[in-house]
Amino acid sequence: MALTADQQNHLDSLVNQVASLADELAEQPEGLLALLRQLEQLHRTIQDGPFRTSLPADRNHLFTLLRQMEQSGGWPYIPRLQLRTFMDLLQREQAEAPAPLESSSPAPPQDPHQLAA
């Protein structure tokens, strides 16, 4: 059973509020990270609580539900930005950034004692 019109309106209102908060946090990565963590926790709480307990115990009904899920978009998933992906993005940005201009002042003279070491 899908959401009723009232339930969908309520959900739409909540989604709009979260989107508005994300807009407010646009230049605050720590705030956006906190928001994403709470959304992920909410996803887990719903998945492990009400959703799991609502699953049919009968194999045929479960199969029907799974087939309907696949036909309507599959399993809801919140992907995480992997640390490796994040590091690769940062390295790509650094490689694309213009090189800093070299100083026009002469290099300091080297200590001859350090060169002999």
N, C-alpha and C. Protein backbone atom coordinates (compact mmCIF):
# COMPACT_ATOMS: atom_id res chain seq x y z
N MET A 1 0.84 -1.18 0.00
CA MET A 1 0.00 0.00 0.00
C MET A 1 0.89 1.25 0.00
N ALA A 2 0.61 2.14 -0.89
CA ALA A 2 1.36 3.39 -0.98
C ALA A 2 0.88 4.36 0.10
N LEU A 3 1.51 5.49 0.17
CA LEU A 3 1.11 6.51 1.13
C LEU A 3 -0.24 7.11 0.74
N THR A 4 -1.00 7.49 1.75
CA THR A 4 -2.24 8.23 1.48
C THR A 4 -1.85 9.64 1.04
N ALA A 5 -2.79 10.38 0.54
CA ALA A 5 -2.54 11.76 0.11
C ALA A 5 -2.06 12.60 1.30
N ASP A 6 -2.67 12.42 2.46
CA ASP A 6 -2.25 13.18 3.66
C ASP A 6 -0.84 12.80 4.08
N GLN A 7 -0.54 11.50 4.04
CA GLN A 7 0.81 11.06 4.40
C GLN A 7 1.84 11.59 3.42
N GLN A 8 1.52 11.58 2.13
CA GLN A 8 2.45 12.10 1.12
C GLN A 8 2.67 13.60 1.30
N ASN A 9 1.60 14.33 1.60
CA ASN A 9 1.73 15.77 1.85
C ASN A 9 2.61 16.04 3.07
N HIS A 10 2.42 15.26 4.12
CA HIS A 10 3.22 15.41 5.34
C HIS A 10 4.69 15.11 5.03
N LEU A 11 4.93 14.02 4.30
CA LEU A 11 6.31 13.66 3.93
C LEU A 11 6.93 14.75 3.05
N ASP A 12 6.18 15.25 2.08
CA ASP A 12 6.68 16.32 1.21
C ASP A 12 7.08 17.55 2.03
N SER A 13 6.27 17.88 3.03
CA SER A 13 6.57 19.02 3.90
C SER A 13 7.87 18.79 4.66
N LEU A 14 8.05 17.59 5.19
CA LEU A 14 9.28 17.27 5.92
C LEU A 14 10.50 17.32 5.00
N VAL A 15 10.36 16.77 3.80
CA VAL A 15 11.46 16.77 2.84
C VAL A 15 11.83 18.21 2.48
N ASN A 16 10.84 19.06 2.29
CA ASN A 16 11.10 20.47 1.96
C ASN A 16 11.81 21.17 3.11
N GLN A 17 11.45 20.84 4.35
CA GLN A 17 12.11 21.43 5.51
C GLN A 17 13.58 21.01 5.58
N VAL A 18 13.85 19.73 5.30
CA VAL A 18 15.23 19.24 5.32
C VAL A 18 16.02 19.89 4.18
N ALA A 19 15.42 20.01 3.01
CA ALA A 19 16.09 20.66 1.88
C ALA A 19 16.38 22.13 2.19
N SER A 20 15.46 22.79 2.87
CA SER A 20 15.68 24.18 3.26
C SER A 20 16.84 24.28 4.25
N LEU A 21 16.90 23.36 5.20
CA LEU A 21 18.01 23.36 6.15
C LEU A 21 19.33 23.12 5.42
N ALA A 22 19.34 22.21 4.44
CA ALA A 22 20.56 21.96 3.66
C ALA A 22 21.00 23.23 2.93
N ASP A 23 20.03 23.98 2.40
CA ASP A 23 20.36 25.25 1.75
C ASP A 23 20.98 26.24 2.73
N GLU A 24 20.45 26.29 3.95
CA GLU A 24 21.01 27.17 4.98
C GLU A 24 22.44 26.80 5.32
N LEU A 25 22.75 25.51 5.23
CA LEU A 25 24.08 25.01 5.60
C LEU A 25 25.03 24.92 4.40
N ALA A 26 24.67 25.54 3.30
CA ALA A 26 25.39 25.37 2.03
C ALA A 26 26.90 25.58 2.15
N GLU A 27 27.35 26.49 2.93
CA GLU A 27 28.79 26.77 3.04
C GLU A 27 29.37 26.26 4.35
N GLN A 28 28.68 25.32 4.98
CA GLN A 28 29.12 24.79 6.27
C GLN A 28 29.25 23.27 6.20
N PRO A 29 30.41 22.77 5.75
CA PRO A 29 30.54 21.32 5.56
C PRO A 29 30.30 20.52 6.84
N GLU A 30 30.67 21.06 7.99
CA GLU A 30 30.44 20.33 9.24
C GLU A 30 28.95 20.19 9.53
N GLY A 31 28.20 21.24 9.27
CA GLY A 31 26.76 21.20 9.47
C GLY A 31 26.08 20.25 8.50
N LEU A 32 26.53 20.27 7.24
CA LEU A 32 25.97 19.35 6.25
C LEU A 32 26.31 17.91 6.59
N LEU A 33 27.50 17.69 7.11
CA LEU A 33 27.89 16.34 7.53
C LEU A 33 27.00 15.86 8.67
N ALA A 34 26.72 16.73 9.63
CA ALA A 34 25.82 16.37 10.73
C ALA A 34 24.43 16.04 10.20
N LEU A 35 23.95 16.82 9.24
CA LEU A 35 22.64 16.56 8.64
C LEU A 35 22.64 15.21 7.94
N LEU A 36 23.67 14.93 7.14
CA LEU A 36 23.74 13.65 6.44
C LEU A 36 23.81 12.47 7.41
N ARG A 37 24.56 12.65 8.49
CA ARG A 37 24.65 11.57 9.48
C ARG A 37 23.30 11.30 10.13
N GLN A 38 22.55 12.35 10.42
CA GLN A 38 21.24 12.14 11.04
C GLN A 38 20.26 11.50 10.06
N LEU A 39 20.33 11.89 8.79
CA LEU A 39 19.47 11.26 7.78
C LEU A 39 19.82 9.78 7.63
N GLU A 40 21.10 9.48 7.63
CA GLU A 40 21.53 8.09 7.54
C GLU A 40 21.06 7.29 8.76
N GLN A 41 21.15 7.89 9.94
CA GLN A 41 20.68 7.22 11.15
C GLN A 41 19.17 7.00 11.10
N LEU A 42 18.43 7.99 10.62
CA LEU A 42 16.99 7.83 10.47
C LEU A 42 16.66 6.69 9.50
N HIS A 43 17.39 6.63 8.40
CA HIS A 43 17.21 5.56 7.43
C HIS A 43 17.41 4.20 8.11
N ARG A 44 18.50 4.06 8.87
CA ARG A 44 18.76 2.79 9.57
C ARG A 44 17.69 2.47 10.59
N THR A 45 17.25 3.49 11.33
CA THR A 45 16.23 3.27 12.36
C THR A 45 14.93 2.77 11.75
N ILE A 46 14.51 3.37 10.65
CA ILE A 46 13.29 2.93 9.97
C ILE A 46 13.48 1.54 9.38
N GLN A 47 14.63 1.32 8.75
CA GLN A 47 14.90 0.03 8.11
C GLN A 47 14.94 -1.09 9.14
N ASP A 48 15.64 -0.89 10.24
CA ASP A 48 15.83 -1.95 11.24
C ASP A 48 14.65 -2.09 12.20
N GLY A 49 13.80 -1.08 12.25
CA GLY A 49 12.65 -1.12 13.17
C GLY A 49 11.36 -1.39 12.44
N PRO A 50 10.60 -0.32 12.17
CA PRO A 50 9.27 -0.49 11.58
C PRO A 50 9.25 -1.26 10.26
N PHE A 51 10.22 -1.01 9.39
CA PHE A 51 10.19 -1.70 8.10
C PHE A 51 10.42 -3.20 8.29
N ARG A 52 11.46 -3.56 9.03
CA ARG A 52 11.77 -4.97 9.21
C ARG A 52 10.62 -5.72 9.88
N THR A 53 10.02 -5.10 10.89
CA THR A 53 8.92 -5.80 11.58
C THR A 53 7.65 -5.86 10.73
N SER A 54 7.56 -5.03 9.69
CA SER A 54 6.38 -5.04 8.82
C SER A 54 6.49 -6.06 7.69
N LEU A 55 7.67 -6.65 7.52
CA LEU A 55 7.84 -7.61 6.42
C LEU A 55 6.96 -8.83 6.64
N PRO A 56 6.40 -9.34 5.55
CA PRO A 56 5.54 -10.53 5.68
C PRO A 56 6.37 -11.75 6.09
N ALA A 57 5.77 -12.60 6.90
CA ALA A 57 6.43 -13.83 7.34
C ALA A 57 6.27 -14.93 6.30
N ASP A 58 5.25 -14.82 5.50
CA ASP A 58 4.96 -15.81 4.48
C ASP A 58 5.87 -15.60 3.26
N ARG A 59 6.48 -16.67 2.78
CA ARG A 59 7.43 -16.58 1.67
C ARG A 59 6.79 -16.00 0.41
N ASN A 60 5.60 -16.38 0.08
CA ASN A 60 4.93 -15.88 -1.13
C ASN A 60 4.66 -14.39 -1.04
N HIS A 61 4.20 -13.93 0.12
CA HIS A 61 3.93 -12.50 0.30
C HIS A 61 5.24 -11.69 0.27
N LEU A 62 6.30 -12.26 0.86
CA LEU A 62 7.60 -11.59 0.84
C LEU A 62 8.11 -11.48 -0.59
N PHE A 63 7.99 -12.55 -1.35
CA PHE A 63 8.42 -12.52 -2.75
C PHE A 63 7.64 -11.46 -3.53
N THR A 64 6.35 -11.37 -3.32
CA THR A 64 5.52 -10.37 -3.99
C THR A 64 5.98 -8.96 -3.63
N LEU A 65 6.25 -8.74 -2.34
CA LEU A 65 6.73 -7.43 -1.91
C LEU A 65 8.06 -7.09 -2.56
N LEU A 66 8.99 -8.05 -2.57
CA LEU A 66 10.30 -7.80 -3.18
C LEU A 66 10.18 -7.52 -4.67
N ARG A 67 9.30 -8.22 -5.35
CA ARG A 67 9.08 -7.98 -6.77
C ARG A 67 8.52 -6.57 -6.98
N GLN A 68 7.57 -6.15 -6.14
CA GLN A 68 7.01 -4.79 -6.23
C GLN A 68 8.08 -3.74 -5.96
N MET A 69 8.95 -4.03 -4.99
CA MET A 69 10.03 -3.09 -4.69
C MET A 69 10.93 -2.90 -5.91
N GLU A 70 11.31 -3.98 -6.56
CA GLU A 70 12.18 -3.89 -7.73
C GLU A 70 11.49 -3.15 -8.87
N GLN A 71 10.21 -3.37 -9.04
CA GLN A 71 9.48 -2.70 -10.12
C GLN A 71 9.30 -1.21 -9.86
N SER A 72 9.33 -0.81 -8.59
CA SER A 72 9.08 0.59 -8.26
C SER A 72 10.35 1.35 -7.87
N GLY A 73 11.52 0.82 -8.20
CA GLY A 73 12.74 1.58 -7.94
C GLY A 73 13.74 0.89 -7.05
N GLY A 74 13.45 -0.27 -6.57
CA GLY A 74 14.43 -1.01 -5.78
C GLY A 74 14.52 -0.56 -4.33
N TRP A 75 15.57 -1.02 -3.69
CA TRP A 75 15.80 -0.78 -2.27
C TRP A 75 16.26 0.65 -2.05
N PRO A 76 15.66 1.37 -1.10
CA PRO A 76 16.16 2.73 -0.81
C PRO A 76 17.55 2.65 -0.20
N TYR A 77 18.45 3.41 -0.73
CA TYR A 77 19.85 3.33 -0.30
C TYR A 77 20.42 4.73 -0.20
N ILE A 78 21.18 4.96 0.86
CA ILE A 78 21.87 6.24 1.02
C ILE A 78 23.35 5.95 0.82
N PRO A 79 23.91 6.28 -0.37
CA PRO A 79 25.32 5.99 -0.61
C PRO A 79 26.21 6.91 0.21
N ARG A 80 27.34 6.38 0.60
CA ARG A 80 28.33 7.17 1.33
C ARG A 80 29.45 7.56 0.38
N LEU A 81 29.95 8.74 0.55
CA LEU A 81 31.13 9.15 -0.18
C LEU A 81 32.31 8.46 0.49
N GLN A 82 32.93 7.55 -0.21
CA GLN A 82 34.05 6.80 0.36
C GLN A 82 35.25 7.74 0.55
N LEU A 83 36.02 7.50 1.58
CA LEU A 83 37.17 8.34 1.88
C LEU A 83 38.12 8.38 0.69
N ARG A 84 38.32 7.26 0.03
CA ARG A 84 39.23 7.21 -1.12
C ARG A 84 38.70 8.12 -2.23
N THR A 85 37.41 8.09 -2.49
CA THR A 85 36.81 8.94 -3.51
C THR A 85 37.01 10.41 -3.15
N PHE A 86 36.80 10.73 -1.87
CA PHE A 86 36.97 12.10 -1.42
C PHE A 86 38.42 12.56 -1.62
N MET A 87 39.37 11.70 -1.26
CA MET A 87 40.79 12.04 -1.43
C MET A 87 41.12 12.22 -2.91
N ASP A 88 40.58 11.36 -3.78
CA ASP A 88 40.81 11.49 -5.22
C ASP A 88 40.27 12.81 -5.75
N LEU A 89 39.08 13.21 -5.26
CA LEU A 89 38.51 14.50 -5.69
C LEU A 89 39.40 15.66 -5.27
N LEU A 90 39.92 15.59 -4.05
CA LEU A 90 40.81 16.66 -3.58
C LEU A 90 42.09 16.72 -4.40
N GLN A 91 42.66 15.56 -4.71
CA GLN A 91 43.89 15.53 -5.50
C GLN A 91 43.64 16.07 -6.91
N ARG A 92 42.49 15.74 -7.48
CA ARG A 92 42.15 16.24 -8.82
C ARG A 92 42.03 17.76 -8.80
N GLU A 93 41.40 18.31 -7.74
CA GLU A 93 41.25 19.76 -7.63
C GLU A 93 42.62 20.42 -7.48
N GLN A 94 43.51 19.80 -6.71
CA GLN A 94 44.85 20.37 -6.53
C GLN A 94 45.63 20.33 -7.83
N ALA A 95 45.48 19.26 -8.60
CA ALA A 95 46.19 19.15 -9.87
C ALA A 95 45.69 20.17 -10.88
N GLU A 96 44.41 20.51 -10.81
CA GLU A 96 43.83 21.47 -11.74
C GLU A 96 44.05 22.92 -11.31
N ALA A 97 44.43 23.14 -10.05
CA ALA A 97 44.64 24.49 -9.55
C ALA A 97 45.93 25.05 -10.15
N PRO A 98 45.95 26.36 -10.44
CA PRO A 98 47.17 26.95 -10.98
C PRO A 98 48.30 26.89 -9.96
N ALA A 99 49.51 26.71 -10.48
CA ALA A 99 50.68 26.64 -9.60
C ALA A 99 50.90 28.00 -8.96
N PRO A 100 51.34 28.02 -7.69
CA PRO A 100 51.59 29.31 -7.05
C PRO A 100 52.75 30.03 -7.73
N LEU A 101 52.65 31.33 -7.78
CA LEU A 101 53.72 32.14 -8.38
C LEU A 101 54.97 32.07 -7.51
N GLU A 102 56.12 31.95 -8.19
CA GLU A 102 57.37 31.89 -7.43
C GLU A 102 57.72 33.28 -6.93
N SER A 103 58.36 33.30 -5.81
CA SER A 103 58.75 34.57 -5.20
C SER A 103 59.82 35.24 -6.05
N SER A 104 59.75 36.55 -6.16
CA SER A 104 60.75 37.27 -6.94
C SER A 104 61.99 37.57 -6.11
N SER A 105 61.97 37.31 -4.81
CA SER A 105 63.15 37.56 -3.98
C SER A 105 64.12 36.40 -4.16
N PRO A 106 65.42 36.68 -4.09
CA PRO A 106 66.41 35.63 -4.30
C PRO A 106 66.34 34.60 -3.17
N ALA A 107 66.77 33.40 -3.48
CA ALA A 107 66.79 32.34 -2.48
C ALA A 107 67.84 32.66 -1.43
N PRO A 108 67.60 32.31 -0.18
CA PRO A 108 68.58 32.60 0.86
C PRO A 108 69.86 31.80 0.61
N PRO A 109 71.00 32.38 0.94
CA PRO A 109 72.25 31.65 0.73
C PRO A 109 72.28 30.40 1.60
N GLN A 110 72.87 29.32 1.07
CA GLN A 110 72.96 28.09 1.84
C GLN A 110 74.20 28.11 2.71
N ASP A 111 74.06 27.51 3.85
CA ASP A 111 75.16 27.43 4.80
C ASP A 111 76.15 26.39 4.29
N PRO A 112 77.40 26.72 4.05
CA PRO A 112 78.37 25.76 3.52
C PRO A 112 78.57 24.56 4.43
N HIS A 113 78.35 24.74 5.75
CA HIS A 113 78.52 23.63 6.69
C HIS A 113 77.46 22.57 6.48
N GLN A 114 76.24 22.97 6.10
CA GLN A 114 75.16 22.02 5.86
C GLN A 114 75.40 21.25 4.58
N LEU A 115 76.03 21.87 3.56
CA LEU A 115 76.30 21.21 2.31
C LEU A 115 77.32 20.08 2.49
N ALA A 116 78.25 20.25 3.40
CA ALA A 116 79.30 19.25 3.61
C ALA A 116 78.78 18.03 4.34
N ALA A 117 77.66 18.14 5.04
CA ALA A 117 77.15 17.04 5.86
C ALA A 117 76.58 15.92 5.06
